Amino acid sequence: MRVGKIAAQGIFSSLFVLFLCQQVVFAGELEITPGEKRRIESGAIDTFETIIFLCKRDRFDEIYEYGDTISQKRTSKEMFTSEWRHCGLASSWETVRDIEVEIISPKYVYLKAALGFKGSHPYSYVASGDTQFSTRIFEMTLERGEWRIDLRHPYGIETRRQDNK
């Protein structure tokens, strides 16, 4: 009888510990207020739009400064600017469509957007002069109060191509 009571207490204790762990793990998601959500989303979008602005002006030395700490340690500014020295994004209204932000935590988001590439760019799959849209995901991390990107993927990670519209 005593063994059964000890086993029941052990099971109850295990379930209680699992419940507490669940509360700790998911507490960050539950604590984001609507105001914080808007602040996180707008901050990430503002940084993204700044990076797009700099890219269209071939200012990759400045884009490097928006790189997260890990990717800046992996590559020098000189290597980054030489590898990405020409922007392949389409001009004006054709550059970006459908921006969405998925908040993973208050310091980590995925920003998804459809980017328009010039037909002559290696990321483009259409004839020169046309625009090819590609849905891409950008991992963004909040470091030192500013949103940063992974410099290994300054054009994001492709999720799908879209028909020209």
N, C-alpha and C. Protein backbone atom coordinates (compact mmCIF):
# COMPACT_ATOMS: atom_id res chain seq x y z
N MET A 1 0.82 -1.18 0.00
CA MET A 1 0.00 0.00 0.00
C MET A 1 0.87 1.25 0.00
N ARG A 2 1.93 1.24 0.81
CA ARG A 2 2.82 2.38 0.92
C ARG A 2 3.55 2.63 -0.41
N VAL A 3 3.91 1.57 -1.14
CA VAL A 3 4.59 1.70 -2.42
C VAL A 3 3.68 2.39 -3.42
N GLY A 4 2.41 2.04 -3.43
CA GLY A 4 1.45 2.66 -4.32
C GLY A 4 1.28 4.15 -4.04
N LYS A 5 1.29 4.52 -2.76
CA LYS A 5 1.16 5.92 -2.37
C LYS A 5 2.38 6.71 -2.81
N ILE A 6 3.55 6.13 -2.65
CA ILE A 6 4.79 6.79 -3.07
C ILE A 6 4.81 6.96 -4.59
N ALA A 7 4.37 5.93 -5.32
CA ALA A 7 4.32 6.02 -6.78
C ALA A 7 3.35 7.11 -7.22
N ALA A 8 2.19 7.18 -6.58
CA ALA A 8 1.20 8.21 -6.92
C ALA A 8 1.77 9.60 -6.65
N GLN A 9 2.46 9.76 -5.54
CA GLN A 9 3.07 11.06 -5.22
C GLN A 9 4.15 11.41 -6.24
N GLY A 10 4.90 10.40 -6.68
CA GLY A 10 5.94 10.62 -7.69
C GLY A 10 5.35 11.07 -9.02
N ILE A 11 4.26 10.43 -9.41
CA ILE A 11 3.59 10.81 -10.66
C ILE A 11 3.03 12.23 -10.53
N PHE A 12 2.38 12.53 -9.40
CA PHE A 12 1.84 13.87 -9.20
C PHE A 12 2.96 14.90 -9.22
N SER A 13 4.06 14.62 -8.56
CA SER A 13 5.19 15.55 -8.53
C SER A 13 5.75 15.77 -9.94
N SER A 14 5.85 14.69 -10.71
CA SER A 14 6.36 14.81 -12.09
C SER A 14 5.44 15.67 -12.94
N LEU A 15 4.14 15.44 -12.82
CA LEU A 15 3.19 16.25 -13.58
C LEU A 15 3.25 17.71 -13.17
N PHE A 16 3.41 17.96 -11.88
CA PHE A 16 3.50 19.34 -11.40
C PHE A 16 4.76 20.03 -11.95
N VAL A 17 5.87 19.32 -11.96
CA VAL A 17 7.12 19.86 -12.50
C VAL A 17 6.96 20.15 -14.00
N LEU A 18 6.35 19.24 -14.75
CA LEU A 18 6.11 19.46 -16.17
C LEU A 18 5.23 20.69 -16.39
N PHE A 19 4.19 20.86 -15.55
CA PHE A 19 3.33 22.03 -15.65
C PHE A 19 4.13 23.30 -15.41
N LEU A 20 4.97 23.32 -14.40
CA LEU A 20 5.80 24.49 -14.11
C LEU A 20 6.77 24.79 -15.26
N CYS A 21 7.36 23.75 -15.83
CA CYS A 21 8.28 23.94 -16.95
C CYS A 21 7.55 24.55 -18.14
N GLN A 22 6.34 24.08 -18.41
CA GLN A 22 5.54 24.62 -19.50
C GLN A 22 5.27 26.10 -19.27
N GLN A 23 4.96 26.47 -18.04
CA GLN A 23 4.67 27.87 -17.74
C GLN A 23 5.91 28.75 -17.93
N VAL A 24 7.07 28.24 -17.56
CA VAL A 24 8.32 29.00 -17.73
C VAL A 24 8.67 29.14 -19.21
N VAL A 25 8.56 28.05 -19.97
CA VAL A 25 8.92 28.05 -21.38
C VAL A 25 8.01 28.98 -22.17
N PHE A 26 6.71 28.95 -21.91
CA PHE A 26 5.77 29.74 -22.70
C PHE A 26 5.45 31.09 -22.08
N ALA A 27 6.07 31.43 -20.96
CA ALA A 27 5.77 32.70 -20.31
C ALA A 27 6.13 33.89 -21.19
N GLY A 28 7.22 33.80 -21.94
CA GLY A 28 7.64 34.91 -22.80
C GLY A 28 6.58 35.24 -23.84
N GLU A 29 5.94 34.23 -24.41
CA GLU A 29 4.92 34.46 -25.41
C GLU A 29 3.69 35.10 -24.80
N LEU A 30 3.35 34.72 -23.59
CA LEU A 30 2.13 35.20 -22.97
C LEU A 30 2.28 36.63 -22.45
N GLU A 31 3.49 37.07 -22.25
CA GLU A 31 3.71 38.38 -21.66
C GLU A 31 3.76 39.51 -22.67
N ILE A 32 3.70 39.23 -23.95
CA ILE A 32 3.78 40.27 -24.96
C ILE A 32 2.41 40.94 -25.07
N THR A 33 2.36 42.21 -24.71
CA THR A 33 1.12 42.96 -24.80
C THR A 33 0.92 43.43 -26.24
N PRO A 34 -0.29 43.84 -26.60
CA PRO A 34 -0.52 44.36 -27.95
C PRO A 34 0.38 45.56 -28.28
N GLY A 35 0.63 46.41 -27.31
CA GLY A 35 1.52 47.55 -27.53
C GLY A 35 2.95 47.11 -27.80
N GLU A 36 3.43 46.13 -27.04
CA GLU A 36 4.78 45.60 -27.27
C GLU A 36 4.85 44.91 -28.63
N LYS A 37 3.79 44.21 -28.99
CA LYS A 37 3.76 43.53 -30.29
C LYS A 37 3.89 44.55 -31.42
N ARG A 38 3.14 45.65 -31.35
CA ARG A 38 3.23 46.70 -32.37
C ARG A 38 4.63 47.32 -32.39
N ARG A 39 5.22 47.52 -31.22
CA ARG A 39 6.57 48.11 -31.14
C ARG A 39 7.60 47.18 -31.76
N ILE A 40 7.52 45.89 -31.47
CA ILE A 40 8.44 44.91 -32.03
C ILE A 40 8.30 44.86 -33.55
N GLU A 41 7.05 44.74 -34.01
CA GLU A 41 6.81 44.67 -35.46
C GLU A 41 7.29 45.93 -36.17
N SER A 42 6.96 47.09 -35.65
CA SER A 42 7.36 48.33 -36.34
C SER A 42 8.87 48.52 -36.31
N GLY A 43 9.53 48.13 -35.22
CA GLY A 43 10.98 48.23 -35.17
C GLY A 43 11.66 47.34 -36.19
N ALA A 44 11.18 46.10 -36.30
CA ALA A 44 11.76 45.17 -37.28
C ALA A 44 11.50 45.65 -38.71
N ILE A 45 10.28 46.12 -38.97
CA ILE A 45 9.95 46.61 -40.31
C ILE A 45 10.77 47.86 -40.65
N ASP A 46 10.94 48.77 -39.70
CA ASP A 46 11.74 49.98 -39.95
C ASP A 46 13.18 49.62 -40.33
N THR A 47 13.76 48.68 -39.60
CA THR A 47 15.13 48.25 -39.91
C THR A 47 15.18 47.60 -41.28
N PHE A 48 14.23 46.74 -41.57
CA PHE A 48 14.16 46.07 -42.87
C PHE A 48 14.07 47.10 -44.00
N GLU A 49 13.20 48.08 -43.85
CA GLU A 49 13.05 49.11 -44.88
C GLU A 49 14.32 49.94 -45.05
N THR A 50 15.02 50.19 -43.96
CA THR A 50 16.31 50.90 -44.04
C THR A 50 17.32 50.09 -44.83
N ILE A 51 17.37 48.79 -44.57
CA ILE A 51 18.30 47.91 -45.28
C ILE A 51 17.96 47.88 -46.78
N ILE A 52 16.68 47.83 -47.11
CA ILE A 52 16.27 47.85 -48.52
C ILE A 52 16.69 49.17 -49.16
N PHE A 53 16.48 50.28 -48.46
CA PHE A 53 16.88 51.60 -48.96
C PHE A 53 18.38 51.62 -49.24
N LEU A 54 19.18 51.11 -48.30
CA LEU A 54 20.63 51.10 -48.47
C LEU A 54 21.04 50.18 -49.62
N CYS A 55 20.38 49.05 -49.74
CA CYS A 55 20.70 48.11 -50.81
C CYS A 55 20.47 48.74 -52.17
N LYS A 56 19.35 49.41 -52.33
CA LYS A 56 19.04 50.01 -53.63
C LYS A 56 20.03 51.10 -54.01
N ARG A 57 20.78 51.59 -53.04
CA ARG A 57 21.80 52.60 -53.30
C ARG A 57 23.22 52.01 -53.25
N ASP A 58 23.30 50.68 -53.23
CA ASP A 58 24.57 49.95 -53.20
C ASP A 58 25.47 50.39 -52.04
N ARG A 59 24.87 50.61 -50.89
CA ARG A 59 25.63 51.03 -49.70
C ARG A 59 25.79 49.84 -48.75
N PHE A 60 26.47 48.81 -49.24
CA PHE A 60 26.60 47.57 -48.48
C PHE A 60 27.51 47.70 -47.28
N ASP A 61 28.41 48.70 -47.29
CA ASP A 61 29.23 48.93 -46.11
C ASP A 61 28.34 49.36 -44.94
N GLU A 62 27.26 50.07 -45.20
CA GLU A 62 26.33 50.47 -44.15
C GLU A 62 25.40 49.33 -43.77
N ILE A 63 25.04 48.49 -44.72
CA ILE A 63 24.22 47.32 -44.40
C ILE A 63 24.96 46.40 -43.45
N TYR A 64 26.27 46.31 -43.62
CA TYR A 64 27.09 45.46 -42.75
C TYR A 64 26.86 45.82 -41.27
N GLU A 65 26.67 47.08 -40.99
CA GLU A 65 26.47 47.53 -39.61
C GLU A 65 25.15 47.01 -39.03
N TYR A 66 24.24 46.57 -39.87
CA TYR A 66 22.98 45.98 -39.41
C TYR A 66 23.10 44.47 -39.23
N GLY A 67 24.28 43.94 -39.38
CA GLY A 67 24.49 42.51 -39.19
C GLY A 67 24.55 42.17 -37.71
N ASP A 68 24.05 40.97 -37.38
CA ASP A 68 24.13 40.55 -35.98
C ASP A 68 25.57 40.22 -35.61
N THR A 69 25.85 40.14 -34.34
CA THR A 69 27.21 39.94 -33.84
C THR A 69 27.84 38.68 -34.40
N ILE A 70 27.08 37.60 -34.43
CA ILE A 70 27.63 36.32 -34.91
C ILE A 70 28.05 36.43 -36.37
N SER A 71 27.20 36.99 -37.21
CA SER A 71 27.56 37.05 -38.63
C SER A 71 28.67 38.07 -38.90
N GLN A 72 28.77 39.12 -38.09
CA GLN A 72 29.90 40.06 -38.25
C GLN A 72 31.22 39.39 -37.87
N LYS A 73 31.16 38.46 -36.91
CA LYS A 73 32.38 37.72 -36.55
C LYS A 73 32.77 36.73 -37.63
N ARG A 74 31.78 36.23 -38.38
CA ARG A 74 32.04 35.24 -39.43
C ARG A 74 32.62 35.85 -40.70
N THR A 75 32.30 37.10 -40.97
CA THR A 75 32.75 37.72 -42.21
C THR A 75 33.17 39.16 -41.96
N SER A 76 34.19 39.57 -42.64
CA SER A 76 34.65 40.95 -42.51
C SER A 76 33.79 41.87 -43.37
N LYS A 77 33.87 43.15 -43.09
CA LYS A 77 33.12 44.13 -43.88
C LYS A 77 33.58 44.10 -45.33
N GLU A 78 34.88 43.93 -45.54
CA GLU A 78 35.42 43.91 -46.91
C GLU A 78 34.89 42.71 -47.69
N MET A 79 34.86 41.54 -47.06
CA MET A 79 34.33 40.35 -47.74
C MET A 79 32.85 40.51 -48.05
N PHE A 80 32.11 41.05 -47.09
CA PHE A 80 30.68 41.23 -47.28
C PHE A 80 30.40 42.20 -48.43
N THR A 81 31.06 43.35 -48.43
CA THR A 81 30.80 44.34 -49.47
C THR A 81 31.26 43.87 -50.84
N SER A 82 32.32 43.08 -50.91
CA SER A 82 32.75 42.59 -52.22
C SER A 82 31.80 41.52 -52.76
N GLU A 83 31.27 40.69 -51.87
CA GLU A 83 30.36 39.63 -52.30
C GLU A 83 28.99 40.18 -52.71
N TRP A 84 28.52 41.20 -52.03
CA TRP A 84 27.18 41.73 -52.26
C TRP A 84 27.22 43.15 -52.82
N ARG A 85 28.23 43.50 -53.59
CA ARG A 85 28.46 44.88 -53.98
C ARG A 85 27.43 45.47 -54.94
N HIS A 86 26.60 44.66 -55.55
CA HIS A 86 25.58 45.19 -56.46
C HIS A 86 24.22 44.68 -56.04
N CYS A 87 23.30 45.61 -55.92
CA CYS A 87 21.94 45.27 -55.52
C CYS A 87 21.15 44.79 -56.72
N GLY A 88 20.47 43.69 -56.56
CA GLY A 88 19.66 43.17 -57.65
C GLY A 88 18.18 43.45 -57.49
N LEU A 89 17.85 44.30 -56.52
CA LEU A 89 16.44 44.58 -56.29
C LEU A 89 15.86 45.49 -57.35
N ALA A 90 14.61 45.26 -57.65
CA ALA A 90 13.90 46.11 -58.62
C ALA A 90 13.71 47.50 -58.03
N SER A 91 13.36 48.43 -58.88
CA SER A 91 13.22 49.81 -58.43
C SER A 91 11.82 50.12 -57.90
N SER A 92 11.73 51.19 -57.17
CA SER A 92 10.51 51.82 -56.64
C SER A 92 9.48 50.84 -56.11
N TRP A 93 8.25 50.92 -56.58
CA TRP A 93 7.14 50.16 -56.03
C TRP A 93 7.30 48.66 -56.22
N GLU A 94 8.18 48.23 -57.11
CA GLU A 94 8.35 46.80 -57.37
C GLU A 94 9.28 46.12 -56.38
N THR A 95 9.86 46.85 -55.45
CA THR A 95 10.88 46.26 -54.58
C THR A 95 10.32 45.30 -53.55
N VAL A 96 9.33 45.73 -52.77
CA VAL A 96 8.86 44.94 -51.63
C VAL A 96 7.33 44.87 -51.63
N ARG A 97 6.83 43.68 -51.32
CA ARG A 97 5.39 43.46 -51.16
C ARG A 97 5.15 42.60 -49.93
N ASP A 98 3.99 42.76 -49.35
CA ASP A 98 3.46 41.82 -48.36
C ASP A 98 4.40 41.54 -47.18
N ILE A 99 4.77 42.57 -46.44
CA ILE A 99 5.63 42.39 -45.27
C ILE A 99 4.81 41.84 -44.11
N GLU A 100 5.32 40.77 -43.49
CA GLU A 100 4.70 40.18 -42.30
C GLU A 100 5.80 39.91 -41.27
N VAL A 101 5.47 40.08 -39.99
CA VAL A 101 6.42 39.80 -38.92
C VAL A 101 5.83 38.73 -38.02
N GLU A 102 6.61 37.68 -37.79
CA GLU A 102 6.23 36.64 -36.83
C GLU A 102 7.14 36.78 -35.63
N ILE A 103 6.57 37.06 -34.48
CA ILE A 103 7.36 37.25 -33.27
C ILE A 103 7.60 35.89 -32.61
N ILE A 104 8.86 35.52 -32.53
CA ILE A 104 9.24 34.28 -31.86
C ILE A 104 9.44 34.57 -30.38
N SER A 105 10.10 35.68 -30.09
CA SER A 105 10.29 36.18 -28.73
C SER A 105 10.48 37.69 -28.84
N PRO A 106 10.49 38.40 -27.73
CA PRO A 106 10.68 39.86 -27.81
C PRO A 106 12.01 40.27 -28.46
N LYS A 107 12.95 39.33 -28.58
CA LYS A 107 14.25 39.66 -29.15
C LYS A 107 14.57 38.88 -30.43
N TYR A 108 13.57 38.18 -30.98
CA TYR A 108 13.82 37.36 -32.16
C TYR A 108 12.55 37.28 -32.99
N VAL A 109 12.66 37.68 -34.28
CA VAL A 109 11.50 37.64 -35.17
C VAL A 109 11.90 37.08 -36.53
N TYR A 110 10.89 36.61 -37.25
CA TYR A 110 11.03 36.29 -38.66
C TYR A 110 10.25 37.36 -39.40
N LEU A 111 10.89 38.02 -40.35
CA LEU A 111 10.21 38.97 -41.20
C LEU A 111 10.10 38.33 -42.57
N LYS A 112 8.89 38.26 -43.09
CA LYS A 112 8.65 37.65 -44.40
C LYS A 112 8.19 38.74 -45.35
N ALA A 113 8.77 38.76 -46.54
CA ALA A 113 8.39 39.75 -47.54
C ALA A 113 8.65 39.19 -48.93
N ALA A 114 7.88 39.67 -49.89
CA ALA A 114 8.12 39.35 -51.29
C ALA A 114 9.02 40.44 -51.86
N LEU A 115 10.20 40.05 -52.32
CA LEU A 115 11.16 41.00 -52.90
C LEU A 115 11.14 40.88 -54.41
N GLY A 116 11.18 42.01 -55.07
CA GLY A 116 11.25 42.05 -56.52
C GLY A 116 12.69 42.20 -56.97
N PHE A 117 13.15 41.27 -57.81
CA PHE A 117 14.51 41.31 -58.34
C PHE A 117 14.49 41.69 -59.81
N LYS A 118 15.50 42.43 -60.23
CA LYS A 118 15.65 42.78 -61.65
C LYS A 118 15.89 41.50 -62.44
N GLY A 119 15.46 41.51 -63.69
CA GLY A 119 15.64 40.34 -64.53
C GLY A 119 17.09 39.98 -64.77
N SER A 120 17.99 40.93 -64.64
CA SER A 120 19.40 40.68 -64.91
C SER A 120 20.17 40.20 -63.68
N HIS A 121 19.52 40.12 -62.53
CA HIS A 121 20.20 39.73 -61.29
C HIS A 121 20.24 38.21 -61.16
N PRO A 122 21.33 37.65 -60.57
CA PRO A 122 21.44 36.20 -60.41
C PRO A 122 20.28 35.57 -59.62
N TYR A 123 19.63 36.33 -58.74
CA TYR A 123 18.50 35.80 -57.98
C TYR A 123 17.22 35.82 -58.80
N SER A 124 17.28 36.41 -59.98
CA SER A 124 16.09 36.53 -60.82
C SER A 124 16.05 35.39 -61.83
N TYR A 125 14.83 34.98 -62.19
CA TYR A 125 14.66 33.87 -63.11
C TYR A 125 13.84 34.29 -64.33
N VAL A 126 13.84 35.59 -64.62
CA VAL A 126 13.06 36.10 -65.76
C VAL A 126 13.97 36.91 -66.66
N ALA A 127 13.43 37.28 -67.80
CA ALA A 127 14.19 38.03 -68.80
C ALA A 127 14.62 39.39 -68.25
N SER A 128 15.69 39.90 -68.80
CA SER A 128 16.20 41.21 -68.41
C SER A 128 15.11 42.26 -68.58
N GLY A 129 14.98 43.13 -67.60
CA GLY A 129 14.00 44.19 -67.65
C GLY A 129 12.72 43.85 -66.90
N ASP A 130 12.40 42.56 -66.77
CA ASP A 130 11.21 42.15 -66.02
C ASP A 130 11.57 42.01 -64.54
N THR A 131 10.54 41.94 -63.72
CA THR A 131 10.74 41.78 -62.29
C THR A 131 10.24 40.41 -61.85
N GLN A 132 11.05 39.70 -61.10
CA GLN A 132 10.67 38.40 -60.54
C GLN A 132 10.52 38.58 -59.04
N PHE A 133 9.36 38.24 -58.49
CA PHE A 133 9.15 38.33 -57.05
C PHE A 133 9.46 36.99 -56.39
N SER A 134 10.09 37.08 -55.25
CA SER A 134 10.47 35.91 -54.49
C SER A 134 10.15 36.17 -53.02
N THR A 135 9.37 35.28 -52.41
CA THR A 135 9.04 35.42 -50.99
C THR A 135 10.25 34.95 -50.19
N ARG A 136 10.67 35.80 -49.28
CA ARG A 136 11.89 35.52 -48.50
C ARG A 136 11.65 35.77 -47.02
N ILE A 137 12.42 35.05 -46.21
CA ILE A 137 12.33 35.17 -44.76
C ILE A 137 13.67 35.72 -44.25
N PHE A 138 13.57 36.69 -43.37
CA PHE A 138 14.74 37.29 -42.73
C PHE A 138 14.67 36.99 -41.24
N GLU A 139 15.74 36.40 -40.71
CA GLU A 139 15.82 36.20 -39.27
C GLU A 139 16.39 37.49 -38.69
N MET A 140 15.69 38.06 -37.72
CA MET A 140 16.13 39.31 -37.13
C MET A 140 16.24 39.15 -35.62
N THR A 141 17.33 39.68 -35.07
CA THR A 141 17.61 39.59 -33.65
C THR A 141 17.77 40.99 -33.08
N LEU A 142 17.21 41.22 -31.91
CA LEU A 142 17.37 42.50 -31.24
C LEU A 142 18.65 42.46 -30.42
N GLU A 143 19.62 43.28 -30.81
CA GLU A 143 20.90 43.37 -30.10
C GLU A 143 21.19 44.84 -29.81
N ARG A 144 21.53 45.11 -28.59
CA ARG A 144 21.87 46.48 -28.17
C ARG A 144 20.78 47.48 -28.59
N GLY A 145 19.52 47.04 -28.49
CA GLY A 145 18.39 47.91 -28.76
C GLY A 145 18.06 48.13 -30.23
N GLU A 146 18.75 47.40 -31.15
CA GLU A 146 18.49 47.55 -32.58
C GLU A 146 18.30 46.18 -33.22
N TRP A 147 17.43 46.15 -34.22
CA TRP A 147 17.19 44.91 -34.95
C TRP A 147 18.33 44.65 -35.92
N ARG A 148 18.79 43.41 -35.98
CA ARG A 148 19.93 43.01 -36.82
C ARG A 148 19.54 41.82 -37.68
N ILE A 149 20.23 41.66 -38.82
CA ILE A 149 20.00 40.53 -39.72
C ILE A 149 21.22 39.63 -39.75
N ASP A 150 21.03 38.45 -40.30
CA ASP A 150 22.13 37.53 -40.53
C ASP A 150 22.77 37.92 -41.86
N LEU A 151 24.01 38.35 -41.84
CA LEU A 151 24.69 38.84 -43.04
C LEU A 151 24.95 37.76 -44.08
N ARG A 152 24.84 36.49 -43.69
CA ARG A 152 25.01 35.43 -44.68
C ARG A 152 23.86 35.43 -45.68
N HIS A 153 22.73 36.05 -45.29
CA HIS A 153 21.54 36.07 -46.14
C HIS A 153 20.97 37.48 -46.21
N PRO A 154 21.70 38.43 -46.80
CA PRO A 154 21.19 39.81 -46.84
C PRO A 154 19.92 39.95 -47.67
N TYR A 155 19.66 39.00 -48.58
CA TYR A 155 18.42 38.99 -49.35
C TYR A 155 17.43 37.99 -48.76
N GLY A 156 17.67 37.54 -47.55
CA GLY A 156 16.80 36.59 -46.89
C GLY A 156 16.95 35.20 -47.47
N ILE A 157 16.13 34.29 -46.96
CA ILE A 157 16.12 32.91 -47.41
C ILE A 157 14.86 32.71 -48.23
N GLU A 158 15.03 32.24 -49.46
CA GLU A 158 13.90 32.11 -50.38
C GLU A 158 12.94 31.02 -49.89
N THR A 159 11.65 31.34 -49.90
CA THR A 159 10.64 30.35 -49.57
C THR A 159 9.86 29.94 -50.81
N ARG A 160 9.61 30.90 -51.71
CA ARG A 160 8.96 30.56 -52.99
C ARG A 160 9.05 31.74 -53.95
N ARG A 161 8.99 31.40 -55.23
CA ARG A 161 8.93 32.42 -56.29
C ARG A 161 7.48 32.69 -56.63
N GLN A 162 7.22 33.90 -57.08
CA GLN A 162 5.85 34.25 -57.46
C GLN A 162 5.83 34.67 -58.91
N ASP A 163 4.69 34.50 -59.54
CA ASP A 163 4.52 34.99 -60.90
C ASP A 163 4.60 36.50 -60.91
N ASN A 164 5.04 37.05 -62.01
CA ASN A 164 5.05 38.51 -62.15
C ASN A 164 3.62 39.02 -62.09
N LYS A 165 3.46 40.11 -61.38
CA LYS A 165 2.11 40.68 -61.25
C LYS A 165 2.14 42.13 -61.60
